[in-house]
Amino acid sequence: MSSSVRASHLLIKHSGSRRLASWRDPDGERIRATDKSDAIAQLKAIRERIVSGEVTFADAATELSDCSSARNGGDLGHFTRGQMQKPFEDATFALAVGDLSDVVDTDSGVHIILRTA
């Protein structure tokens, strides 16, 4: 079992997220107006665009992610167990390198994760 992984992610925050603001939405207006089911629907649509080759993961993350990692195409760098929220960590460690997750729900919002190493 690998002791560290490297991953990129795309985060969509919603009204139930623990912080109701992001670099894309500093006042949190869009986030407060987005319920969890809408956030999941948005994320699934983005995932389909990535899988179909319409857009790269990095470009989608740069344009659409609520995480500040968007400026790096969603890249979070290397991390080990215990550094991320457990659902995120578990999903990332379960992926093979190059695999894209389904929707992963955390206190921060909903994510898709691309394991890169």
PDB file of N, CA and C in Angstrom:
ATOM      1  N   MET A   1       0.844  -1.193   0.000  1.00  0.00           N
ATOM      2  CA  MET A   1       0.000   0.000   0.000  1.00  0.00           C
ATOM      3  C   MET A   1       0.883   1.249   0.000  1.00  0.00           C
ATOM      4  N   SER A   2       0.547   2.167  -0.865  1.00  0.00           N
ATOM      5  CA  SER A   2       1.314   3.401  -0.988  1.00  0.00           C
ATOM      6  C   SER A   2       1.164   4.269   0.264  1.00  0.00           C
ATOM      7  N   SER A   3       2.268   4.870   0.685  1.00  0.00           N
ATOM      8  CA  SER A   3       2.193   5.734   1.862  1.00  0.00           C
ATOM      9  C   SER A   3       1.808   7.164   1.501  1.00  0.00           C
ATOM     10  N   SER A   4       2.008   7.542   0.235  1.00  0.00           N
ATOM     11  CA  SER A   4       1.558   8.858  -0.204  1.00  0.00           C
ATOM     12  C   SER A   4       0.983   8.757  -1.606  1.00  0.00           C
ATOM     13  N   VAL A   5       0.126   9.696  -1.915  1.00  0.00           N
ATOM     14  CA  VAL A   5      -0.488   9.791  -3.238  1.00  0.00           C
ATOM     15  C   VAL A   5      -0.352  11.235  -3.709  1.00  0.00           C
ATOM     16  N   ARG A   6      -0.562  11.434  -4.986  1.00  0.00           N
ATOM     17  CA  ARG A   6      -0.676  12.780  -5.530  1.00  0.00           C
ATOM     18  C   ARG A   6      -1.980  12.817  -6.300  1.00  0.00           C
ATOM     19  N   ALA A   7      -2.704  13.878  -6.129  1.00  0.00           N
ATOM     20  CA  ALA A   7      -4.012  13.972  -6.771  1.00  0.00           C
ATOM     21  C   ALA A   7      -4.356  15.415  -7.108  1.00  0.00           C
ATOM     22  N   SER A   8      -5.256  15.530  -8.062  1.00  0.00           N
ATOM     23  CA  SER A   8      -5.890  16.799  -8.387  1.00  0.00           C
ATOM     24  C   SER A   8      -7.374  16.625  -8.113  1.00  0.00           C
ATOM     25  N   HIS A   9      -8.030  17.726  -7.825  1.00  0.00           N
ATOM     26  CA  HIS A   9      -9.475  17.625  -7.597  1.00  0.00           C
ATOM     27  C   HIS A   9     -10.182  18.857  -8.110  1.00  0.00           C
ATOM     28  N   LEU A  10     -11.485  18.704  -8.256  1.00  0.00           N
ATOM     29  CA  LEU A  10     -12.360  19.805  -8.614  1.00  0.00           C
ATOM     30  C   LEU A  10     -13.458  19.811  -7.560  1.00  0.00           C
ATOM     31  N   LEU A  11     -13.590  20.921  -6.878  1.00  0.00           N
ATOM     32  CA  LEU A  11     -14.533  21.082  -5.774  1.00  0.00           C
ATOM     33  C   LEU A  11     -15.672  22.004  -6.170  1.00  0.00           C
ATOM     34  N   ILE A  12     -16.883  21.553  -5.897  1.00  0.00           N
ATOM     35  CA  ILE A  12     -18.061  22.422  -6.011  1.00  0.00           C
ATOM     36  C   ILE A  12     -18.653  22.551  -4.606  1.00  0.00           C
ATOM     37  N   LYS A  13     -18.663  23.764  -4.089  1.00  0.00           N
ATOM     38  CA  LYS A  13     -19.252  24.017  -2.773  1.00  0.00           C
ATOM     39  C   LYS A  13     -20.762  24.215  -2.921  1.00  0.00           C
ATOM     40  N   HIS A  14     -21.460  24.019  -1.816  1.00  0.00           N
ATOM     41  CA  HIS A  14     -22.913  24.189  -1.801  1.00  0.00           C
ATOM     42  C   HIS A  14     -23.334  24.757  -0.447  1.00  0.00           C
ATOM     43  N   SER A  15     -24.620  24.977  -0.286  1.00  0.00           N
ATOM     44  CA  SER A  15     -25.129  25.645   0.922  1.00  0.00           C
ATOM     45  C   SER A  15     -24.829  24.866   2.198  1.00  0.00           C
ATOM     46  N   GLY A  16     -24.525  23.572   2.094  1.00  0.00           N
ATOM     47  CA  GLY A  16     -24.178  22.779   3.268  1.00  0.00           C
ATOM     48  C   GLY A  16     -22.685  22.675   3.523  1.00  0.00           C
ATOM     49  N   SER A  17     -21.880  23.329   2.708  1.00  0.00           N
ATOM     50  CA  SER A  17     -20.424  23.273   2.873  1.00  0.00           C
ATOM     51  C   SER A  17     -19.995  24.014   4.129  1.00  0.00           C
ATOM     52  N   ARG A  18     -18.873  23.604   4.705  1.00  0.00           N
ATOM     53  CA  ARG A  18     -18.459  24.199   5.978  1.00  0.00           C
ATOM     54  C   ARG A  18     -18.008  25.651   5.834  1.00  0.00           C
ATOM     55  N   ARG A  19     -17.469  26.034   4.689  1.00  0.00           N
ATOM     56  CA  ARG A  19     -17.129  27.446   4.452  1.00  0.00           C
ATOM     57  C   ARG A  19     -17.900  27.912   3.227  1.00  0.00           C
ATOM     58  N   LEU A  20     -18.699  28.950   3.408  1.00  0.00           N
ATOM     59  CA  LEU A  20     -19.598  29.389   2.341  1.00  0.00           C
ATOM     60  C   LEU A  20     -19.002  30.518   1.516  1.00  0.00           C
ATOM     61  N   ALA A  21     -17.729  30.365   1.167  1.00  0.00           N
ATOM     62  CA  ALA A  21     -17.069  31.318   0.288  1.00  0.00           C
ATOM     63  C   ALA A  21     -15.926  30.584  -0.390  1.00  0.00           C
ATOM     64  N   SER A  22     -15.470  31.126  -1.508  1.00  0.00           N
ATOM     65  CA  SER A  22     -14.322  30.561  -2.204  1.00  0.00           C
ATOM     66  C   SER A  22     -13.669  31.669  -3.012  1.00  0.00           C
ATOM     67  N   TRP A  23     -12.535  31.339  -3.609  1.00  0.00           N
ATOM     68  CA  TRP A  23     -11.855  32.332  -4.451  1.00  0.00           C
ATOM     69  C   TRP A  23     -12.754  32.741  -5.612  1.00  0.00           C
ATOM     70  N   ARG A  24     -13.608  31.842  -6.090  1.00  0.00           N
ATOM     71  CA  ARG A  24     -14.522  32.141  -7.199  1.00  0.00           C
ATOM     72  C   ARG A  24     -15.747  32.905  -6.740  1.00  0.00           C
ATOM     73  N   ASP A  25     -16.073  32.780  -5.480  1.00  0.00           N
ATOM     74  CA  ASP A  25     -17.308  33.346  -4.932  1.00  0.00           C
ATOM     75  C   ASP A  25     -17.017  33.912  -3.536  1.00  0.00           C
ATOM     76  N   PRO A  26     -16.223  35.002  -3.472  1.00  0.00           N
ATOM     77  CA  PRO A  26     -15.762  35.500  -2.173  1.00  0.00           C
ATOM     78  C   PRO A  26     -16.890  35.879  -1.211  1.00  0.00           C
ATOM     79  N   ASP A  27     -18.030  36.301  -1.741  1.00  0.00           N
ATOM     80  CA  ASP A  27     -19.159  36.660  -0.887  1.00  0.00           C
ATOM     81  C   ASP A  27     -20.072  35.470  -0.599  1.00  0.00           C
ATOM     82  N   GLY A  28     -19.844  34.368  -1.283  1.00  0.00           N
ATOM     83  CA  GLY A  28     -20.625  33.159  -1.051  1.00  0.00           C
ATOM     84  C   GLY A  28     -22.030  33.174  -1.612  1.00  0.00           C
ATOM     85  N   GLU A  29     -22.338  34.138  -2.480  1.00  0.00           N
ATOM     86  CA  GLU A  29     -23.711  34.239  -3.001  1.00  0.00           C
ATOM     87  C   GLU A  29     -24.101  33.012  -3.812  1.00  0.00           C
ATOM     88  N   ARG A  30     -23.247  32.596  -4.733  1.00  0.00           N
ATOM     89  CA  ARG A  30     -23.536  31.424  -5.563  1.00  0.00           C
ATOM     90  C   ARG A  30     -23.569  30.163  -4.704  1.00  0.00           C
ATOM     91  N   ILE A  31     -22.618  30.054  -3.792  1.00  0.00           N
ATOM     92  CA  ILE A  31     -22.538  28.859  -2.944  1.00  0.00           C
ATOM     93  C   ILE A  31     -23.791  28.718  -2.090  1.00  0.00           C
ATOM     94  N   ARG A  32     -24.235  29.799  -1.460  1.00  0.00           N
ATOM     95  CA  ARG A  32     -25.441  29.754  -0.621  1.00  0.00           C
ATOM     96  C   ARG A  32     -26.680  29.389  -1.440  1.00  0.00           C
ATOM     97  N   ALA A  33     -26.685  29.759  -2.720  1.00  0.00           N
ATOM     98  CA  ALA A  33     -27.840  29.508  -3.587  1.00  0.00           C
ATOM     99  C   ALA A  33     -27.794  28.117  -4.232  1.00  0.00           C
ATOM    100  N   THR A  34     -26.732  27.359  -3.994  1.00  0.00           N
ATOM    101  CA  THR A  34     -26.570  26.035  -4.600  1.00  0.00           C
ATOM    102  C   THR A  34     -26.829  24.971  -3.547  1.00  0.00           C
ATOM    103  N   ASP A  35     -27.848  24.137  -3.766  1.00  0.00           N
ATOM    104  CA  ASP A  35     -28.037  23.046  -2.811  1.00  0.00           C
ATOM    105  C   ASP A  35     -27.166  21.855  -3.228  1.00  0.00           C
ATOM    106  N   LYS A  36     -27.057  20.904  -2.334  1.00  0.00           N
ATOM    107  CA  LYS A  36     -26.143  19.787  -2.552  1.00  0.00           C
ATOM    108  C   LYS A  36     -26.483  19.012  -3.825  1.00  0.00           C
ATOM    109  N   SER A  37     -27.754  18.782  -4.084  1.00  0.00           N
ATOM    110  CA  SER A  37     -28.128  18.021  -5.284  1.00  0.00           C
ATOM    111  C   SER A  37     -27.744  18.771  -6.554  1.00  0.00           C
ATOM    112  N   ASP A  38     -27.858  20.097  -6.537  1.00  0.00           N
ATOM    113  CA  ASP A  38     -27.429  20.901  -7.693  1.00  0.00           C
ATOM    114  C   ASP A  38     -25.919  20.817  -7.877  1.00  0.00           C
ATOM    115  N   ALA A  39     -25.180  20.861  -6.766  1.00  0.00           N
ATOM    116  CA  ALA A  39     -23.719  20.765  -6.836  1.00  0.00           C
ATOM    117  C   ALA A  39     -23.301  19.420  -7.412  1.00  0.00           C
ATOM    118  N   ILE A  40     -23.972  18.351  -6.977  1.00  0.00           N
ATOM    119  CA  ILE A  40     -23.664  17.011  -7.501  1.00  0.00           C
ATOM    120  C   ILE A  40     -23.984  16.940  -8.991  1.00  0.00           C
ATOM    121  N   ALA A  41     -25.112  17.499  -9.393  1.00  0.00           N
ATOM    122  CA  ALA A  41     -25.489  17.495 -10.812  1.00  0.00           C
ATOM    123  C   ALA A  41     -24.457  18.255 -11.648  1.00  0.00           C
ATOM    124  N   GLN A  42     -24.008  19.413 -11.156  1.00  0.00           N
ATOM    125  CA  GLN A  42     -22.977  20.180 -11.860  1.00  0.00           C
ATOM    126  C   GLN A  42     -21.707  19.350 -12.003  1.00  0.00           C
ATOM    127  N   LEU A  43     -21.317  18.709 -10.920  1.00  0.00           N
ATOM    128  CA  LEU A  43     -20.081  17.931 -10.903  1.00  0.00           C
ATOM    129  C   LEU A  43     -20.170  16.737 -11.853  1.00  0.00           C
ATOM    130  N   LYS A  44     -21.320  16.065 -11.878  1.00  0.00           N
ATOM    131  CA  LYS A  44     -21.491  14.930 -12.794  1.00  0.00           C
ATOM    132  C   LYS A  44     -21.402  15.391 -14.248  1.00  0.00           C
ATOM    133  N   ALA A  45     -21.968  16.544 -14.543  1.00  0.00           N
ATOM    134  CA  ALA A  45     -21.900  17.076 -15.910  1.00  0.00           C
ATOM    135  C   ALA A  45     -20.456  17.407 -16.282  1.00  0.00           C
ATOM    136  N   ILE A  46     -19.720  17.994 -15.357  1.00  0.00           N
ATOM    137  CA  ILE A  46     -18.307  18.310 -15.600  1.00  0.00           C
ATOM    138  C   ILE A  46     -17.521  17.016 -15.804  1.00  0.00           C
ATOM    139  N   ARG A  47     -17.779  16.014 -14.966  1.00  0.00           N
ATOM    140  CA  ARG A  47     -17.085  14.733 -15.084  1.00  0.00           C
ATOM    141  C   ARG A  47     -17.317  14.125 -16.466  1.00  0.00           C
ATOM    142  N   GLU A  48     -18.555  14.179 -16.953  1.00  0.00           N
ATOM    143  CA  GLU A  48     -18.867  13.651 -18.284  1.00  0.00           C
ATOM    144  C   GLU A  48     -18.074  14.369 -19.376  1.00  0.00           C
ATOM    145  N   ARG A  49     -17.939  15.683 -19.234  1.00  0.00           N
ATOM    146  CA  ARG A  49     -17.165  16.454 -20.219  1.00  0.00           C
ATOM    147  C   ARG A  49     -15.696  16.044 -20.202  1.00  0.00           C
ATOM    148  N   ILE A  50     -15.171  15.738 -19.020  1.00  0.00           N
ATOM    149  CA  ILE A  50     -13.778  15.293 -18.890  1.00  0.00           C
ATOM    150  C   ILE A  50     -13.622  13.904 -19.504  1.00  0.00           C
ATOM    151  N   VAL A  51     -14.502  12.983 -19.126  1.00  0.00           N
ATOM    152  CA  VAL A  51     -14.422  11.601 -19.617  1.00  0.00           C
ATOM    153  C   VAL A  51     -14.563  11.547 -21.138  1.00  0.00           C
ATOM    154  N   SER A  52     -15.419  12.388 -21.696  1.00  0.00           N
ATOM    155  CA  SER A  52     -15.638  12.385 -23.152  1.00  0.00           C
ATOM    156  C   SER A  52     -14.484  13.044 -23.913  1.00  0.00           C
ATOM    157  N   GLY A  53     -13.593  13.711 -23.191  1.00  0.00           N
ATOM    158  CA  GLY A  53     -12.471  14.383 -23.849  1.00  0.00           C
ATOM    159  C   GLY A  53     -12.779  15.796 -24.299  1.00  0.00           C
ATOM    160  N   GLU A  54     -13.967  16.282 -23.976  1.00  0.00           N
ATOM    161  CA  GLU A  54     -14.364  17.641 -24.362  1.00  0.00           C
ATOM    162  C   GLU A  54     -13.490  18.687 -23.676  1.00  0.00           C
ATOM    163  N   VAL A  55     -13.062  18.380 -22.461  1.00  0.00           N
ATOM    164  CA  VAL A  55     -12.248  19.306 -21.678  1.00  0.00           C
ATOM    165  C   VAL A  55     -11.264  18.476 -20.854  1.00  0.00           C
ATOM    166  N   THR A  56     -10.085  19.035 -20.594  1.00  0.00           N
ATOM    167  CA  THR A  56      -9.138  18.326 -19.734  1.00  0.00           C
ATOM    168  C   THR A  56      -9.515  18.552 -18.273  1.00  0.00           C
ATOM    169  N   PHE A  57      -9.075  17.637 -17.430  1.00  0.00           N
ATOM    170  CA  PHE A  57      -9.329  17.802 -16.001  1.00  0.00           C
ATOM    171  C   PHE A  57      -8.752  19.128 -15.525  1.00  0.00           C
ATOM    172  N   ALA A  58      -7.502  19.404 -15.891  1.00  0.00           N
ATOM    173  CA  ALA A  58      -6.844  20.630 -15.421  1.00  0.00           C
ATOM    174  C   ALA A  58      -7.591  21.884 -15.864  1.00  0.00           C
ATOM    175  N   ASP A  59      -8.056  21.900 -17.106  1.00  0.00           N
ATOM    176  CA  ASP A  59      -8.792  23.078 -17.580  1.00  0.00           C
ATOM    177  C   ASP A  59     -10.119  23.229 -16.845  1.00  0.00           C
ATOM    178  N   ALA A  60     -10.820  22.122 -16.626  1.00  0.00           N
ATOM    179  CA  ALA A  60     -12.092  22.187 -15.903  1.00  0.00           C
ATOM    180  C   ALA A  60     -11.863  22.670 -14.474  1.00  0.00           C
ATOM    181  N   ALA A  61     -10.835  22.133 -13.821  1.00  0.00           N
ATOM    182  CA  ALA A  61     -10.553  22.544 -12.442  1.00  0.00           C
ATOM    183  C   ALA A  61     -10.180  24.024 -12.383  1.00  0.00           C
ATOM    184  N   THR A  62      -9.342  24.456 -13.319  1.00  0.00           N
ATOM    185  CA  THR A  62      -8.907  25.858 -13.337  1.00  0.00           C
ATOM    186  C   THR A  62     -10.104  26.792 -13.469  1.00  0.00           C
ATOM    187  N   GLU A  63     -11.040  26.419 -14.307  1.00  0.00           N
ATOM    188  CA  GLU A  63     -12.194  27.276 -14.585  1.00  0.00           C
ATOM    189  C   GLU A  63     -13.298  27.173 -13.539  1.00  0.00           C
ATOM    190  N   LEU A  64     -13.506  25.976 -12.968  1.00  0.00           N
ATOM    191  CA  LEU A  64     -14.735  25.728 -12.232  1.00  0.00           C
ATOM    192  C   LEU A  64     -14.589  25.374 -10.761  1.00  0.00           C
ATOM    193  N   SER A  65     -13.391  24.994 -10.312  1.00  0.00           N
ATOM    194  CA  SER A  65     -13.247  24.527  -8.932  1.00  0.00           C
ATOM    195  C   SER A  65     -13.342  25.669  -7.933  1.00  0.00           C
ATOM    196  N   ASP A  66     -13.994  25.384  -6.803  1.00  0.00           N
ATOM    197  CA  ASP A  66     -14.079  26.347  -5.713  1.00  0.00           C
ATOM    198  C   ASP A  66     -12.859  26.304  -4.806  1.00  0.00           C
ATOM    199  N   CYS A  67     -11.932  25.395  -5.069  1.00  0.00           N
ATOM    200  CA  CYS A  67     -10.713  25.310  -4.269  1.00  0.00           C
ATOM    201  C   CYS A  67      -9.634  26.189  -4.889  1.00  0.00           C
ATOM    202  N   SER A  68      -8.812  26.799  -4.055  1.00  0.00           N
ATOM    203  CA  SER A  68      -7.728  27.639  -4.571  1.00  0.00           C
ATOM    204  C   SER A  68      -6.694  26.828  -5.351  1.00  0.00           C
ATOM    205  N   SER A  69      -6.732  25.491  -5.244  1.00  0.00           N
ATOM    206  CA  SER A  69      -5.846  24.661  -6.070  1.00  0.00           C
ATOM    207  C   SER A  69      -6.183  24.814  -7.557  1.00  0.00           C
ATOM    208  N   ALA A  70      -7.292  25.461  -7.873  1.00  0.00           N
ATOM    209  CA  ALA A  70      -7.676  25.684  -9.270  1.00  0.00           C
ATOM    210  C   ALA A  70      -6.562  26.381 -10.038  1.00  0.00           C
ATOM    211  N   ARG A  71      -5.819  27.257  -9.377  1.00  0.00           N
ATOM    212  CA  ARG A  71      -4.748  27.967 -10.086  1.00  0.00           C
ATOM    213  C   ARG A  71      -3.626  27.023 -10.530  1.00  0.00           C
ATOM    214  N   ASN A  72      -3.620  25.804  -9.970  1.00  0.00           N
ATOM    215  CA  ASN A  72      -2.658  24.770 -10.371  1.00  0.00           C
ATOM    216  C   ASN A  72      -3.364  23.617 -11.083  1.00  0.00           C
ATOM    217  N   GLY A  73      -4.480  23.885 -11.721  1.00  0.00           N
ATOM    218  CA  GLY A  73      -5.214  22.845 -12.419  1.00  0.00           C
ATOM    219  C   GLY A  73      -5.823  21.822 -11.479  1.00  0.00           C
ATOM    220  N   GLY A  74      -5.996  22.208 -10.220  1.00  0.00           N
ATOM    221  CA  GLY A  74      -6.575  21.322  -9.221  1.00  0.00           C
ATOM    222  C   GLY A  74      -5.556  20.482  -8.469  1.00  0.00           C
ATOM    223  N   ASP A  75      -4.274  20.615  -8.818  1.00  0.00           N
ATOM    224  CA  ASP A  75      -3.226  19.787  -8.209  1.00  0.00           C
ATOM    225  C   ASP A  75      -3.065  20.103  -6.725  1.00  0.00           C
ATOM    226  N   LEU A  76      -3.160  19.049  -5.909  1.00  0.00           N
ATOM    227  CA  LEU A  76      -2.977  19.172  -4.467  1.00  0.00           C
ATOM    228  C   LEU A  76      -1.582  18.736  -4.026  1.00  0.00           C
ATOM    229  N   GLY A  77      -0.782  18.249  -4.949  1.00  0.00           N
ATOM    230  CA  GLY A  77       0.530  17.734  -4.593  1.00  0.00           C
ATOM    231  C   GLY A  77       0.406  16.385  -3.899  1.00  0.00           C
ATOM    232  N   HIS A  78       1.510  15.941  -3.305  1.00  0.00           N
ATOM    233  CA  HIS A  78       1.525  14.671  -2.585  1.00  0.00           C
ATOM    234  C   HIS A  78       0.935  14.847  -1.189  1.00  0.00           C
ATOM    235  N   PHE A  79       0.240  13.820  -0.715  1.00  0.00           N
ATOM    236  CA  PHE A  79      -0.229  13.819   0.671  1.00  0.00           C
ATOM    237  C   PHE A  79      -0.287  12.391   1.180  1.00  0.00           C
ATOM    238  N   THR A  80      -0.277  12.283   2.493  1.00  0.00           N
ATOM    239  CA  THR A  80      -0.332  10.976   3.152  1.00  0.00           C
ATOM    240  C   THR A  80      -1.646  10.859   3.907  1.00  0.00           C
ATOM    241  N   ARG A  81      -1.907   9.671   4.406  1.00  0.00           N
ATOM    242  CA  ARG A  81      -3.118   9.465   5.210  1.00  0.00           C
ATOM    243  C   ARG A  81      -3.082  10.397   6.426  1.00  0.00           C
ATOM    244  N   GLY A  82      -4.251  10.935   6.752  1.00  0.00           N
ATOM    245  CA  GLY A  82      -4.359  11.827   7.896  1.00  0.00           C
ATOM    246  C   GLY A  82      -4.260  13.303   7.548  1.00  0.00           C
ATOM    247  N   GLN A  83      -3.977  13.627   6.297  1.00  0.00           N
ATOM    248  CA  GLN A  83      -3.840  15.038   5.914  1.00  0.00           C
ATOM    249  C   GLN A  83      -5.106  15.630   5.301  1.00  0.00           C
ATOM    250  N   MET A  84      -5.979  14.773   4.798  1.00  0.00           N
ATOM    251  CA  MET A  84      -7.205  15.223   4.135  1.00  0.00           C
ATOM    252  C   MET A  84      -8.407  14.684   4.903  1.00  0.00           C
ATOM    253  N   GLN A  85      -9.585  15.214   4.586  1.00  0.00           N
ATOM    254  CA  GLN A  85     -10.799  14.665   5.183  1.00  0.00           C
ATOM    255  C   GLN A  85     -10.919  13.196   4.775  1.00  0.00           C
ATOM    256  N   LYS A  86     -11.384  12.359   5.701  1.00  0.00           N
ATOM    257  CA  LYS A  86     -11.365  10.913   5.498  1.00  0.00           C
ATOM    258  C   LYS A  86     -12.053  10.447   4.208  1.00  0.00           C
ATOM    259  N   PRO A  87     -13.244  10.929   3.858  1.00  0.00           N
ATOM    260  CA  PRO A  87     -13.862  10.454   2.609  1.00  0.00           C
ATOM    261  C   PRO A  87     -12.998  10.767   1.380  1.00  0.00           C
ATOM    262  N   PHE A  88     -12.363  11.939   1.389  1.00  0.00           N
ATOM    263  CA  PHE A  88     -11.495  12.348   0.287  1.00  0.00           C
ATOM    264  C   PHE A  88     -10.264  11.449   0.240  1.00  0.00           C
ATOM    265  N   GLU A  89      -9.668  11.261   1.379  1.00  0.00           N
ATOM    266  CA  GLU A  89      -8.476  10.415   1.490  1.00  0.00           C
ATOM    267  C   GLU A  89      -8.782   8.980   1.052  1.00  0.00           C
ATOM    268  N   ASP A  90      -9.850   8.412   1.571  1.00  0.00           N
ATOM    269  CA  ASP A  90     -10.209   7.035   1.237  1.00  0.00           C
ATOM    270  C   ASP A  90     -10.433   6.882  -0.267  1.00  0.00           C
ATOM    271  N   ALA A  91     -11.138   7.824  -0.863  1.00  0.00           N
ATOM    272  CA  ALA A  91     -11.412   7.758  -2.301  1.00  0.00           C
ATOM    273  C   ALA A  91     -10.119   7.858  -3.102  1.00  0.00           C
ATOM    274  N   THR A  92      -9.228   8.761  -2.700  1.00  0.00           N
ATOM    275  CA  THR A  92      -7.987   8.959  -3.442  1.00  0.00           C
ATOM    276  C   THR A  92      -7.093   7.728  -3.363  1.00  0.00           C
ATOM    277  N   PHE A  93      -6.917   7.186  -2.180  1.00  0.00           N
ATOM    278  CA  PHE A  93      -6.060   6.010  -2.016  1.00  0.00           C
ATOM    279  C   PHE A  93      -6.637   4.788  -2.731  1.00  0.00           C
ATOM    280  N   ALA A  94      -7.957   4.754  -2.944  1.00  0.00           N
ATOM    281  CA  ALA A  94      -8.593   3.620  -3.627  1.00  0.00           C
ATOM    282  C   ALA A  94      -8.437   3.685  -5.148  1.00  0.00           C
ATOM    283  N   LEU A  95      -8.117   4.856  -5.674  1.00  0.00           N
ATOM    284  CA  LEU A  95      -7.970   5.021  -7.122  1.00  0.00           C
ATOM    285  C   LEU A  95      -6.617   4.498  -7.585  1.00  0.00           C
ATOM    286  N   ALA A  96      -6.577   3.982  -8.809  1.00  0.00           N
ATOM    287  CA  ALA A  96      -5.299   3.691  -9.462  1.00  0.00           C
ATOM    288  C   ALA A  96      -4.807   4.995 -10.087  1.00  0.00           C
ATOM    289  N   VAL A  97      -3.517   5.112 -10.282  1.00  0.00           N
ATOM    290  CA  VAL A  97      -2.955   6.299 -10.930  1.00  0.00           C
ATOM    291  C   VAL A  97      -3.621   6.464 -12.303  1.00  0.00           C
ATOM    292  N   GLY A  98      -4.100   7.670 -12.567  1.00  0.00           N
ATOM    293  CA  GLY A  98      -4.772   7.968 -13.825  1.00  0.00           C
ATOM    294  C   GLY A  98      -6.279   7.832 -13.765  1.00  0.00           C
ATOM    295  N   ASP A  99      -6.803   7.255 -12.676  1.00  0.00           N
ATOM    296  CA  ASP A  99      -8.250   7.080 -12.546  1.00  0.00           C
ATOM    297  C   ASP A  99      -8.928   8.331 -12.015  1.00  0.00           C
ATOM    298  N   LEU A 100     -10.164   8.515 -12.454  1.00  0.00           N
ATOM    299  CA  LEU A 100     -11.006   9.637 -12.041  1.00  0.00           C
ATOM    300  C   LEU A 100     -12.127   9.092 -11.160  1.00  0.00           C
ATOM    301  N   SER A 101     -12.309   9.701 -10.003  1.00  0.00           N
ATOM    302  CA  SER A 101     -13.333   9.233  -9.066  1.00  0.00           C
ATOM    303  C   SER A 101     -14.728   9.597  -9.533  1.00  0.00           C
ATOM    304  N   ASP A 102     -15.703   8.951  -8.905  1.00  0.00           N
ATOM    305  CA  ASP A 102     -17.079   9.423  -8.971  1.00  0.00           C
ATOM    306  C   ASP A 102     -17.171  10.587  -7.986  1.00  0.00           C
ATOM    307  N   VAL A 103     -18.363  11.089  -7.742  1.00  0.00           N
ATOM    308  CA  VAL A 103     -18.559  12.196  -6.807  1.00  0.00           C
ATOM    309  C   VAL A 103     -18.174  11.749  -5.398  1.00  0.00           C
ATOM    310  N   VAL A 104     -17.356  12.570  -4.735  1.00  0.00           N
ATOM    311  CA  VAL A 104     -16.934  12.321  -3.357  1.00  0.00           C
ATOM    312  C   VAL A 104     -17.452  13.478  -2.508  1.00  0.00           C
ATOM    313  N   ASP A 105     -18.195  13.144  -1.458  1.00  0.00           N
ATOM    314  CA  ASP A 105     -18.836  14.138  -0.603  1.00  0.00           C
ATOM    315  C   ASP A 105     -18.013  14.323   0.673  1.00  0.00           C
ATOM    316  N   THR A 106     -17.634  15.577   0.973  1.00  0.00           N
ATOM    317  CA  THR A 106     -16.939  15.897   2.222  1.00  0.00           C
ATOM    318  C   THR A 106     -17.599  17.122   2.854  1.00  0.00           C
ATOM    319  N   ASP A 107     -17.109  17.514   4.014  1.00  0.00           N
ATOM    320  CA  ASP A 107     -17.620  18.721   4.663  1.00  0.00           C
ATOM    321  C   ASP A 107     -17.339  19.976   3.837  1.00  0.00           C
ATOM    322  N   SER A 108     -16.369  19.911   2.948  1.00  0.00           N
ATOM    323  CA  SER A 108     -16.016  21.070   2.121  1.00  0.00           C
ATOM    324  C   SER A 108     -16.957  21.247   0.941  1.00  0.00           C
ATOM    325  N   GLY A 109     -17.575  20.167   0.496  1.00  0.00           N
ATOM    326  CA  GLY A 109     -18.433  20.194  -0.684  1.00  0.00           C
ATOM    327  C   GLY A 109     -18.324  18.866  -1.398  1.00  0.00           C
ATOM    328  N   VAL A 110     -18.588  18.875  -2.701  1.00  0.00           N
ATOM    329  CA  VAL A 110     -18.473  17.653  -3.490  1.00  0.00           C
ATOM    330  C   VAL A 110     -17.305  17.798  -4.460  1.00  0.00           C
ATOM    331  N   HIS A 111     -16.616  16.679  -4.675  1.00  0.00           N
ATOM    332  CA  HIS A 111     -15.387  16.681  -5.461  1.00  0.00           C
ATOM    333  C   HIS A 111     -15.421  15.575  -6.506  1.00  0.00           C
ATOM    334  N   ILE A 112     -14.627  15.763  -7.555  1.00  0.00           N
ATOM    335  CA  ILE A 112     -14.125  14.640  -8.341  1.00  0.00           C
ATOM    336  C   ILE A 112     -12.609  14.711  -8.200  1.00  0.00           C
ATOM    337  N   ILE A 113     -12.002  13.522  -8.162  1.00  0.00           N
ATOM    338  CA  ILE A 113     -10.581  13.421  -7.856  1.00  0.00           C
ATOM    339  C   ILE A 113      -9.898  12.648  -8.972  1.00  0.00           C
ATOM    340  N   LEU A 114      -8.772  13.159  -9.419  1.00  0.00           N
ATOM    341  CA  LEU A 114      -7.918  12.486 -10.386  1.00  0.00           C
ATOM    342  C   LEU A 114      -6.620  12.126  -9.675  1.00  0.00           C
ATOM    343  N   ARG A 115      -6.362  10.823  -9.528  1.00  0.00           N
ATOM    344  CA  ARG A 115      -5.100  10.414  -8.903  1.00  0.00           C
ATOM    345  C   ARG A 115      -3.993  10.497  -9.946  1.00  0.00           C
ATOM    346  N   THR A 116      -2.941  11.228  -9.614  1.00  0.00           N
ATOM    347  CA  THR A 116      -1.868  11.459 -10.584  1.00  0.00           C
ATOM    348  C   THR A 116      -0.572  10.732 -10.222  1.00  0.00           C
ATOM    349  N   ALA A 117      -0.420  10.278  -8.995  1.00  0.00           N
ATOM    350  CA  ALA A 117       0.766   9.490  -8.608  1.00  0.00           C
ATOM    351  C   ALA A 117       0.472   8.729  -7.328  1.00  0.00           C
TER     352      ALA A 117
END
